[in-house]
Amino acid sequence: MTLTPLTDTPMNLAEFDLPAGTFTLRRATACDVGAIVSLLADDHLRASFESTSPEARAPYDRAFDVINADPAQLLVVAVSTAGDVVATMQLTPIPGLARAGALRMQIEAVRVHSTLRGNGLGGAMIGWAIAEGRRRGARLIQLTSDQSRQSAHRFYERLGFEASHAGFKLTL
């Protein structure tokens, strides 16, 4: 199995023409970190863990540098025609021996600005991620969603995902 680095992906990845406007999906840059953190913090489950204050910015910048330096990672943002970052997600290929050496594509930290939910942007982004996974040779796309996010579960099920496993985490 050959793992193609995600860094060969061009800066602008897709354009989505939706009822709420036109959105460009592109690779995130260091200038986007503040907007991404704001999207993460604009979530009732994550608000107490994320901080948008300038004093708390350093760990996010360090994390971005690690993600950006890793050729296997792809952190993307969706940008409105006004230039605002309105959505984000991260793709991580996971090579493995299971399933006859299948490559999995993990989708993480999917966030769409609360004012734009329900307009098709999230579905367009996930559709693009699935196509990108196929293009990269993935045989399985996987993601996790907090058990309390019932509307997100319905969203993913409408896109063809199945709730197939129980997930476990250990906070360190």
N, C-alpha and C. Protein backbone atom coordinates (compact mmCIF):
# COMPACT_ATOMS: atom_id res chain seq x y z
N MET A 1 0.85 -1.17 0.00
CA MET A 1 0.00 0.00 0.00
C MET A 1 0.90 1.24 0.00
N THR A 2 0.64 2.14 -0.91
CA THR A 2 1.37 3.40 -0.96
C THR A 2 0.47 4.50 -0.42
N LEU A 3 0.97 5.24 0.55
CA LEU A 3 0.22 6.34 1.14
C LEU A 3 0.66 7.62 0.45
N THR A 4 -0.25 8.21 -0.30
CA THR A 4 0.06 9.46 -0.98
C THR A 4 -0.05 10.60 0.02
N PRO A 5 0.99 11.40 0.19
CA PRO A 5 0.91 12.51 1.14
C PRO A 5 -0.21 13.47 0.74
N LEU A 6 -0.91 13.98 1.74
CA LEU A 6 -1.99 14.91 1.44
C LEU A 6 -1.47 16.29 1.05
N THR A 7 -0.18 16.54 1.22
CA THR A 7 0.35 17.85 0.88
C THR A 7 0.39 18.09 -0.62
N ASP A 8 0.16 17.06 -1.44
CA ASP A 8 0.12 17.31 -2.87
C ASP A 8 -1.24 17.86 -3.29
N THR A 9 -2.13 18.04 -2.31
CA THR A 9 -3.43 18.60 -2.59
C THR A 9 -3.28 20.12 -2.77
N PRO A 10 -3.88 20.68 -3.82
CA PRO A 10 -3.75 22.12 -4.04
C PRO A 10 -4.43 22.93 -2.94
N MET A 11 -4.08 24.23 -2.85
CA MET A 11 -4.63 25.09 -1.82
C MET A 11 -6.16 25.15 -1.89
N ASN A 12 -6.73 25.49 -3.06
CA ASN A 12 -8.19 25.49 -3.22
C ASN A 12 -8.62 24.12 -3.68
N LEU A 13 -9.54 23.52 -2.94
CA LEU A 13 -9.91 22.14 -3.16
C LEU A 13 -11.24 21.97 -3.88
N ALA A 14 -12.19 22.84 -3.56
CA ALA A 14 -13.53 22.71 -4.15
C ALA A 14 -14.27 24.02 -3.98
N GLU A 15 -15.32 24.15 -4.76
CA GLU A 15 -16.24 25.27 -4.61
C GLU A 15 -17.64 24.71 -4.54
N PHE A 16 -18.43 25.21 -3.58
CA PHE A 16 -19.79 24.74 -3.38
C PHE A 16 -20.76 25.90 -3.60
N ASP A 17 -21.63 25.79 -4.59
CA ASP A 17 -22.68 26.78 -4.82
C ASP A 17 -23.93 26.28 -4.12
N LEU A 18 -24.32 26.94 -3.04
CA LEU A 18 -25.43 26.50 -2.19
C LEU A 18 -26.44 27.63 -2.04
N PRO A 19 -27.63 27.33 -1.56
CA PRO A 19 -28.63 28.39 -1.37
C PRO A 19 -28.13 29.56 -0.52
N ALA A 20 -27.27 29.30 0.45
CA ALA A 20 -26.76 30.37 1.32
C ALA A 20 -25.57 31.11 0.72
N GLY A 21 -25.12 30.71 -0.48
CA GLY A 21 -24.01 31.39 -1.12
C GLY A 21 -23.00 30.40 -1.69
N THR A 22 -21.90 30.96 -2.13
CA THR A 22 -20.80 30.17 -2.68
C THR A 22 -19.71 30.08 -1.63
N PHE A 23 -19.19 28.87 -1.46
CA PHE A 23 -18.15 28.63 -0.46
C PHE A 23 -16.99 27.91 -1.12
N THR A 24 -15.79 28.32 -0.77
CA THR A 24 -14.57 27.69 -1.27
C THR A 24 -13.97 26.85 -0.17
N LEU A 25 -13.68 25.61 -0.49
CA LEU A 25 -12.99 24.72 0.44
C LEU A 25 -11.51 24.80 0.11
N ARG A 26 -10.69 25.10 1.12
CA ARG A 26 -9.26 25.20 0.87
C ARG A 26 -8.49 24.70 2.08
N ARG A 27 -7.21 24.44 1.83
CA ARG A 27 -6.31 24.05 2.91
C ARG A 27 -6.22 25.22 3.90
N ALA A 28 -6.28 24.91 5.19
CA ALA A 28 -6.16 25.94 6.22
C ALA A 28 -4.74 26.48 6.27
N THR A 29 -4.63 27.73 6.65
CA THR A 29 -3.33 28.37 6.85
C THR A 29 -3.23 28.83 8.30
N ALA A 30 -2.06 29.25 8.70
CA ALA A 30 -1.86 29.73 10.07
C ALA A 30 -2.77 30.92 10.37
N CYS A 31 -3.10 31.70 9.38
CA CYS A 31 -3.99 32.85 9.57
C CYS A 31 -5.42 32.42 9.93
N ASP A 32 -5.76 31.17 9.67
CA ASP A 32 -7.11 30.67 9.93
C ASP A 32 -7.29 30.12 11.34
N VAL A 33 -6.22 29.97 12.09
CA VAL A 33 -6.30 29.29 13.39
C VAL A 33 -7.32 29.95 14.31
N GLY A 34 -7.32 31.26 14.40
CA GLY A 34 -8.28 31.95 15.28
C GLY A 34 -9.72 31.64 14.89
N ALA A 35 -10.01 31.66 13.61
CA ALA A 35 -11.38 31.37 13.14
C ALA A 35 -11.75 29.92 13.40
N ILE A 36 -10.80 29.01 13.23
CA ILE A 36 -11.07 27.59 13.50
C ILE A 36 -11.37 27.39 14.98
N VAL A 37 -10.59 28.01 15.84
CA VAL A 37 -10.82 27.89 17.28
C VAL A 37 -12.19 28.46 17.64
N SER A 38 -12.58 29.55 17.00
CA SER A 38 -13.91 30.12 17.25
C SER A 38 -15.01 29.13 16.86
N LEU A 39 -14.82 28.43 15.75
CA LEU A 39 -15.80 27.41 15.35
C LEU A 39 -15.84 26.28 16.38
N LEU A 40 -14.68 25.87 16.88
CA LEU A 40 -14.64 24.80 17.88
C LEU A 40 -15.30 25.25 19.19
N ALA A 41 -15.09 26.51 19.56
CA ALA A 41 -15.64 27.03 20.82
C ALA A 41 -17.14 27.29 20.71
N ASP A 42 -17.64 27.49 19.50
CA ASP A 42 -19.07 27.75 19.28
C ASP A 42 -19.83 26.42 19.26
N ASP A 43 -19.67 25.67 20.33
CA ASP A 43 -20.23 24.33 20.43
C ASP A 43 -20.49 24.07 21.92
N HIS A 44 -21.73 23.81 22.27
CA HIS A 44 -22.06 23.67 23.69
C HIS A 44 -21.28 22.54 24.38
N LEU A 45 -20.84 21.53 23.64
CA LEU A 45 -20.07 20.45 24.25
C LEU A 45 -18.59 20.80 24.42
N ARG A 46 -18.09 21.70 23.59
CA ARG A 46 -16.66 22.00 23.61
C ARG A 46 -16.34 23.37 24.20
N ALA A 47 -17.34 24.20 24.43
CA ALA A 47 -17.11 25.58 24.84
C ALA A 47 -16.24 25.69 26.09
N SER A 48 -16.39 24.77 27.03
CA SER A 48 -15.59 24.86 28.26
C SER A 48 -14.16 24.39 28.05
N PHE A 49 -13.86 23.73 26.92
CA PHE A 49 -12.52 23.24 26.65
C PHE A 49 -11.71 24.17 25.74
N GLU A 50 -12.41 24.97 24.96
CA GLU A 50 -11.74 25.81 23.97
C GLU A 50 -11.74 27.26 24.43
N SER A 51 -10.71 27.99 24.09
CA SER A 51 -10.63 29.40 24.47
C SER A 51 -10.22 30.24 23.27
N THR A 52 -10.97 31.29 23.05
CA THR A 52 -10.66 32.20 21.95
C THR A 52 -9.86 33.42 22.42
N SER A 53 -9.48 33.45 23.68
CA SER A 53 -8.71 34.60 24.17
C SER A 53 -7.30 34.59 23.59
N PRO A 54 -6.75 35.77 23.32
CA PRO A 54 -5.39 35.84 22.76
C PRO A 54 -4.34 35.15 23.65
N GLU A 55 -4.54 35.17 24.97
CA GLU A 55 -3.58 34.55 25.89
C GLU A 55 -3.56 33.03 25.73
N ALA A 56 -4.63 32.45 25.25
CA ALA A 56 -4.72 31.00 25.13
C ALA A 56 -4.36 30.51 23.73
N ARG A 57 -3.89 31.38 22.88
CA ARG A 57 -3.67 31.05 21.48
C ARG A 57 -2.47 30.13 21.22
N ALA A 58 -1.43 30.20 22.03
CA ALA A 58 -0.17 29.48 21.76
C ALA A 58 -0.36 27.97 21.54
N PRO A 59 -1.13 27.25 22.36
CA PRO A 59 -1.27 25.80 22.12
C PRO A 59 -1.94 25.50 20.77
N TYR A 60 -2.86 26.34 20.36
CA TYR A 60 -3.52 26.14 19.07
C TYR A 60 -2.54 26.36 17.92
N ASP A 61 -1.72 27.39 18.05
CA ASP A 61 -0.71 27.66 17.01
C ASP A 61 0.29 26.51 16.91
N ARG A 62 0.71 25.98 18.08
CA ARG A 62 1.64 24.84 18.07
C ARG A 62 0.98 23.62 17.42
N ALA A 63 -0.28 23.37 17.76
CA ALA A 63 -0.99 22.23 17.17
C ALA A 63 -1.12 22.41 15.66
N PHE A 64 -1.42 23.61 15.21
CA PHE A 64 -1.51 23.86 13.77
C PHE A 64 -0.17 23.57 13.10
N ASP A 65 0.92 24.02 13.71
CA ASP A 65 2.24 23.79 13.13
C ASP A 65 2.53 22.29 12.97
N VAL A 66 2.14 21.50 13.96
CA VAL A 66 2.35 20.05 13.90
C VAL A 66 1.49 19.45 12.78
N ILE A 67 0.23 19.83 12.73
CA ILE A 67 -0.67 19.33 11.68
C ILE A 67 -0.15 19.73 10.31
N ASN A 68 0.21 20.97 10.15
CA ASN A 68 0.64 21.50 8.86
C ASN A 68 1.96 20.87 8.39
N ALA A 69 2.82 20.49 9.34
CA ALA A 69 4.10 19.90 8.98
C ALA A 69 3.99 18.42 8.63
N ASP A 70 2.87 17.80 8.99
CA ASP A 70 2.68 16.37 8.76
C ASP A 70 2.04 16.16 7.38
N PRO A 71 2.75 15.56 6.45
CA PRO A 71 2.21 15.41 5.10
C PRO A 71 0.98 14.50 5.03
N ALA A 72 0.68 13.76 6.09
CA ALA A 72 -0.49 12.90 6.09
C ALA A 72 -1.76 13.62 6.52
N GLN A 73 -1.62 14.82 7.05
CA GLN A 73 -2.77 15.55 7.59
C GLN A 73 -3.31 16.56 6.57
N LEU A 74 -4.62 16.76 6.60
CA LEU A 74 -5.23 17.80 5.78
C LEU A 74 -6.30 18.50 6.60
N LEU A 75 -5.99 19.71 7.03
CA LEU A 75 -6.91 20.56 7.75
C LEU A 75 -7.47 21.55 6.75
N VAL A 76 -8.80 21.57 6.61
CA VAL A 76 -9.42 22.44 5.60
C VAL A 76 -10.39 23.40 6.26
N VAL A 77 -10.65 24.48 5.54
CA VAL A 77 -11.67 25.44 5.93
C VAL A 77 -12.55 25.73 4.73
N ALA A 78 -13.81 26.05 5.01
CA ALA A 78 -14.72 26.55 3.98
C ALA A 78 -14.82 28.05 4.22
N VAL A 79 -14.68 28.81 3.14
CA VAL A 79 -14.64 30.26 3.22
C VAL A 79 -15.79 30.83 2.38
N SER A 80 -16.49 31.81 2.94
CA SER A 80 -17.58 32.47 2.22
C SER A 80 -17.00 33.43 1.19
N THR A 81 -17.86 33.94 0.32
CA THR A 81 -17.38 34.91 -0.68
C THR A 81 -16.90 36.19 -0.02
N ALA A 82 -17.34 36.45 1.22
CA ALA A 82 -16.86 37.62 1.97
C ALA A 82 -15.50 37.38 2.58
N GLY A 83 -14.99 36.14 2.48
CA GLY A 83 -13.68 35.81 3.02
C GLY A 83 -13.69 35.28 4.44
N ASP A 84 -14.88 35.02 4.98
CA ASP A 84 -14.99 34.52 6.34
C ASP A 84 -14.86 33.00 6.38
N VAL A 85 -14.08 32.49 7.34
CA VAL A 85 -13.99 31.04 7.57
C VAL A 85 -15.28 30.64 8.27
N VAL A 86 -16.06 29.77 7.64
CA VAL A 86 -17.38 29.40 8.17
C VAL A 86 -17.50 27.92 8.50
N ALA A 87 -16.49 27.12 8.18
CA ALA A 87 -16.54 25.69 8.47
C ALA A 87 -15.13 25.12 8.41
N THR A 88 -14.97 23.95 9.04
CA THR A 88 -13.66 23.29 9.06
C THR A 88 -13.82 21.79 9.25
N MET A 89 -12.80 21.06 8.91
CA MET A 89 -12.69 19.63 9.23
C MET A 89 -11.24 19.22 8.98
N GLN A 90 -10.87 18.09 9.54
CA GLN A 90 -9.53 17.55 9.36
C GLN A 90 -9.62 16.12 8.86
N LEU A 91 -8.80 15.79 7.87
CA LEU A 91 -8.72 14.43 7.33
C LEU A 91 -7.38 13.82 7.70
N THR A 92 -7.44 12.58 8.18
CA THR A 92 -6.24 11.86 8.56
C THR A 92 -6.29 10.46 8.00
N PRO A 93 -5.40 10.11 7.08
CA PRO A 93 -5.35 8.73 6.61
C PRO A 93 -4.71 7.84 7.68
N ILE A 94 -5.27 6.65 7.84
CA ILE A 94 -4.75 5.71 8.83
C ILE A 94 -4.45 4.40 8.11
N PRO A 95 -3.17 4.14 7.84
CA PRO A 95 -2.84 2.84 7.23
C PRO A 95 -2.91 1.76 8.30
N GLY A 96 -3.29 0.58 7.90
CA GLY A 96 -3.37 -0.50 8.88
C GLY A 96 -3.33 -1.87 8.23
N LEU A 97 -3.15 -2.88 9.03
CA LEU A 97 -3.14 -4.25 8.55
C LEU A 97 -4.54 -4.83 8.46
N ALA A 98 -5.45 -4.36 9.29
CA ALA A 98 -6.82 -4.90 9.30
C ALA A 98 -7.49 -4.65 7.96
N ARG A 99 -8.47 -5.49 7.65
CA ARG A 99 -9.21 -5.41 6.39
C ARG A 99 -8.27 -5.54 5.20
N ALA A 100 -7.35 -6.47 5.31
CA ALA A 100 -6.39 -6.77 4.23
C ALA A 100 -5.54 -5.56 3.87
N GLY A 101 -5.09 -4.85 4.90
CA GLY A 101 -4.21 -3.71 4.67
C GLY A 101 -4.92 -2.47 4.19
N ALA A 102 -6.19 -2.33 4.54
CA ALA A 102 -6.99 -1.20 4.06
C ALA A 102 -6.53 0.12 4.67
N LEU A 103 -6.58 1.15 3.85
CA LEU A 103 -6.37 2.51 4.32
C LEU A 103 -7.71 3.06 4.77
N ARG A 104 -7.74 3.64 5.97
CA ARG A 104 -8.94 4.31 6.49
C ARG A 104 -8.71 5.81 6.40
N MET A 105 -9.77 6.54 6.16
CA MET A 105 -9.69 8.00 6.22
C MET A 105 -10.55 8.44 7.40
N GLN A 106 -9.93 9.07 8.37
CA GLN A 106 -10.61 9.58 9.55
C GLN A 106 -11.01 11.03 9.29
N ILE A 107 -12.27 11.36 9.53
CA ILE A 107 -12.75 12.73 9.45
C ILE A 107 -12.93 13.21 10.88
N GLU A 108 -12.31 14.33 11.22
CA GLU A 108 -12.32 14.85 12.59
C GLU A 108 -12.74 16.31 12.61
N ALA A 109 -13.26 16.72 13.76
CA ALA A 109 -13.51 18.13 14.08
C ALA A 109 -14.29 18.85 12.99
N VAL A 110 -15.38 18.23 12.56
CA VAL A 110 -16.25 18.86 11.57
C VAL A 110 -17.06 19.94 12.28
N ARG A 111 -16.96 21.15 11.82
CA ARG A 111 -17.72 22.25 12.40
C ARG A 111 -18.20 23.17 11.28
N VAL A 112 -19.46 23.53 11.34
CA VAL A 112 -20.05 24.52 10.45
C VAL A 112 -20.62 25.61 11.34
N HIS A 113 -20.39 26.86 10.97
CA HIS A 113 -20.88 27.98 11.77
C HIS A 113 -22.38 27.80 12.03
N SER A 114 -22.80 28.08 13.24
CA SER A 114 -24.19 27.82 13.65
C SER A 114 -25.21 28.50 12.75
N THR A 115 -24.89 29.65 12.18
CA THR A 115 -25.85 30.35 11.32
C THR A 115 -25.98 29.72 9.94
N LEU A 116 -25.09 28.79 9.60
CA LEU A 116 -25.11 28.18 8.27
C LEU A 116 -25.50 26.71 8.28
N ARG A 117 -25.81 26.17 9.43
CA ARG A 117 -26.19 24.76 9.50
C ARG A 117 -27.53 24.55 8.80
N GLY A 118 -27.63 23.44 8.09
CA GLY A 118 -28.87 23.10 7.41
C GLY A 118 -28.97 23.63 5.99
N ASN A 119 -27.90 24.26 5.49
CA ASN A 119 -27.96 24.80 4.12
C ASN A 119 -27.21 23.94 3.11
N GLY A 120 -26.67 22.79 3.55
CA GLY A 120 -25.98 21.90 2.63
C GLY A 120 -24.46 21.97 2.67
N LEU A 121 -23.91 22.93 3.40
CA LEU A 121 -22.44 23.07 3.42
C LEU A 121 -21.79 21.86 4.07
N GLY A 122 -22.30 21.41 5.20
CA GLY A 122 -21.72 20.24 5.86
C GLY A 122 -21.78 19.00 4.97
N GLY A 123 -22.91 18.80 4.32
CA GLY A 123 -23.05 17.65 3.42
C GLY A 123 -22.10 17.73 2.24
N ALA A 124 -21.93 18.95 1.70
CA ALA A 124 -20.99 19.13 0.59
C ALA A 124 -19.56 18.85 1.04
N MET A 125 -19.21 19.29 2.23
CA MET A 125 -17.86 19.04 2.75
C MET A 125 -17.62 17.55 2.97
N ILE A 126 -18.59 16.86 3.57
CA ILE A 126 -18.42 15.43 3.81
C ILE A 126 -18.38 14.68 2.48
N GLY A 127 -19.21 15.09 1.53
CA GLY A 127 -19.16 14.47 0.20
C GLY A 127 -17.80 14.64 -0.43
N TRP A 128 -17.22 15.83 -0.29
CA TRP A 128 -15.87 16.06 -0.82
C TRP A 128 -14.85 15.17 -0.10
N ALA A 129 -14.99 15.05 1.24
CA ALA A 129 -14.06 14.23 2.03
C ALA A 129 -14.13 12.77 1.60
N ILE A 130 -15.33 12.28 1.33
CA ILE A 130 -15.49 10.90 0.87
C ILE A 130 -14.79 10.72 -0.48
N ALA A 131 -15.02 11.66 -1.39
CA ALA A 131 -14.37 11.59 -2.71
C ALA A 131 -12.85 11.67 -2.58
N GLU A 132 -12.37 12.51 -1.67
CA GLU A 132 -10.93 12.63 -1.45
C GLU A 132 -10.37 11.34 -0.88
N GLY A 133 -11.11 10.73 0.04
CA GLY A 133 -10.70 9.43 0.58
C GLY A 133 -10.58 8.38 -0.52
N ARG A 134 -11.58 8.33 -1.39
CA ARG A 134 -11.52 7.39 -2.53
C ARG A 134 -10.31 7.69 -3.41
N ARG A 135 -10.12 8.97 -3.70
CA ARG A 135 -8.99 9.37 -4.55
C ARG A 135 -7.66 8.93 -3.95
N ARG A 136 -7.59 8.95 -2.61
CA ARG A 136 -6.36 8.56 -1.91
C ARG A 136 -6.24 7.06 -1.70
N GLY A 137 -7.26 6.31 -2.12
CA GLY A 137 -7.19 4.85 -1.98
C GLY A 137 -7.78 4.31 -0.70
N ALA A 138 -8.49 5.15 0.06
CA ALA A 138 -9.11 4.66 1.30
C ALA A 138 -10.24 3.68 0.96
N ARG A 139 -10.37 2.66 1.79
CA ARG A 139 -11.45 1.70 1.62
C ARG A 139 -12.51 1.87 2.68
N LEU A 140 -12.26 2.79 3.62
CA LEU A 140 -13.21 3.02 4.69
C LEU A 140 -13.08 4.47 5.14
N ILE A 141 -14.20 5.15 5.28
CA ILE A 141 -14.23 6.50 5.86
C ILE A 141 -14.84 6.34 7.24
N GLN A 142 -14.21 6.91 8.25
CA GLN A 142 -14.74 6.80 9.60
C GLN A 142 -14.71 8.14 10.30
N LEU A 143 -15.60 8.29 11.26
CA LEU A 143 -15.64 9.49 12.08
C LEU A 143 -16.29 9.14 13.40
N THR A 144 -16.14 10.01 14.37
CA THR A 144 -16.80 9.83 15.65
C THR A 144 -17.69 11.04 15.90
N SER A 145 -18.70 10.83 16.71
CA SER A 145 -19.61 11.91 17.09
C SER A 145 -20.06 11.64 18.51
N ASP A 146 -20.07 12.67 19.34
CA ASP A 146 -20.49 12.51 20.72
C ASP A 146 -21.88 11.88 20.77
N GLN A 147 -22.10 11.00 21.73
CA GLN A 147 -23.38 10.30 21.84
C GLN A 147 -24.57 11.24 21.97
N SER A 148 -24.37 12.40 22.53
CA SER A 148 -25.48 13.33 22.74
C SER A 148 -25.86 14.11 21.48
N ARG A 149 -25.07 14.03 20.43
CA ARG A 149 -25.34 14.80 19.21
C ARG A 149 -26.30 14.05 18.28
N GLN A 150 -27.52 13.92 18.70
CA GLN A 150 -28.49 13.16 17.92
C GLN A 150 -28.74 13.76 16.54
N SER A 151 -28.77 15.08 16.42
CA SER A 151 -28.99 15.68 15.10
C SER A 151 -27.79 15.41 14.18
N ALA A 152 -26.59 15.40 14.74
CA ALA A 152 -25.41 15.07 13.93
C ALA A 152 -25.47 13.61 13.48
N HIS A 153 -25.95 12.74 14.35
CA HIS A 153 -26.06 11.32 13.98
C HIS A 153 -27.03 11.16 12.81
N ARG A 154 -28.18 11.86 12.88
CA ARG A 154 -29.14 11.78 11.77
C ARG A 154 -28.51 12.33 10.48
N PHE A 155 -27.74 13.41 10.60
CA PHE A 155 -27.05 14.00 9.45
C PHE A 155 -26.11 12.98 8.81
N TYR A 156 -25.27 12.33 9.61
CA TYR A 156 -24.32 11.35 9.07
C TYR A 156 -25.03 10.13 8.49
N GLU A 157 -26.10 9.70 9.14
CA GLU A 157 -26.86 8.57 8.61
C GLU A 157 -27.49 8.92 7.26
N ARG A 158 -27.99 10.15 7.10
CA ARG A 158 -28.53 10.57 5.79
C ARG A 158 -27.45 10.53 4.71
N LEU A 159 -26.20 10.70 5.09
CA LEU A 159 -25.08 10.66 4.14
C LEU A 159 -24.57 9.25 3.90
N GLY A 160 -25.17 8.26 4.56
CA GLY A 160 -24.80 6.87 4.31
C GLY A 160 -23.93 6.23 5.38
N PHE A 161 -23.57 6.95 6.42
CA PHE A 161 -22.76 6.38 7.50
C PHE A 161 -23.64 5.50 8.39
N GLU A 162 -23.04 4.49 8.97
CA GLU A 162 -23.72 3.60 9.90
C GLU A 162 -23.08 3.73 11.28
N ALA A 163 -23.91 3.71 12.30
CA ALA A 163 -23.40 3.66 13.68
C ALA A 163 -23.02 2.22 13.95
N SER A 164 -21.76 1.89 13.73
CA SER A 164 -21.34 0.50 13.73
C SER A 164 -20.52 0.08 14.95
N HIS A 165 -19.97 1.01 15.70
CA HIS A 165 -19.08 0.65 16.80
C HIS A 165 -19.40 1.52 18.02
N ALA A 166 -19.02 1.03 19.17
CA ALA A 166 -19.03 1.83 20.39
C ALA A 166 -17.62 2.37 20.57
N GLY A 167 -17.49 3.65 20.82
CA GLY A 167 -16.17 4.26 20.99
C GLY A 167 -15.84 4.44 22.45
N PHE A 168 -14.56 4.41 22.75
CA PHE A 168 -14.09 4.60 24.11
C PHE A 168 -12.94 5.61 24.09
N LYS A 169 -12.87 6.42 25.14
CA LYS A 169 -11.78 7.40 25.26
C LYS A 169 -11.25 7.38 26.68
N LEU A 170 -10.00 7.72 26.80
CA LEU A 170 -9.36 7.85 28.10
C LEU A 170 -8.65 9.19 28.09
N THR A 171 -9.12 10.11 28.92
CA THR A 171 -8.50 11.42 29.00
C THR A 171 -7.21 11.33 29.79
N LEU A 172 -6.13 11.85 29.23
CA LEU A 172 -4.82 11.82 29.90
C LEU A 172 -4.44 13.20 30.40
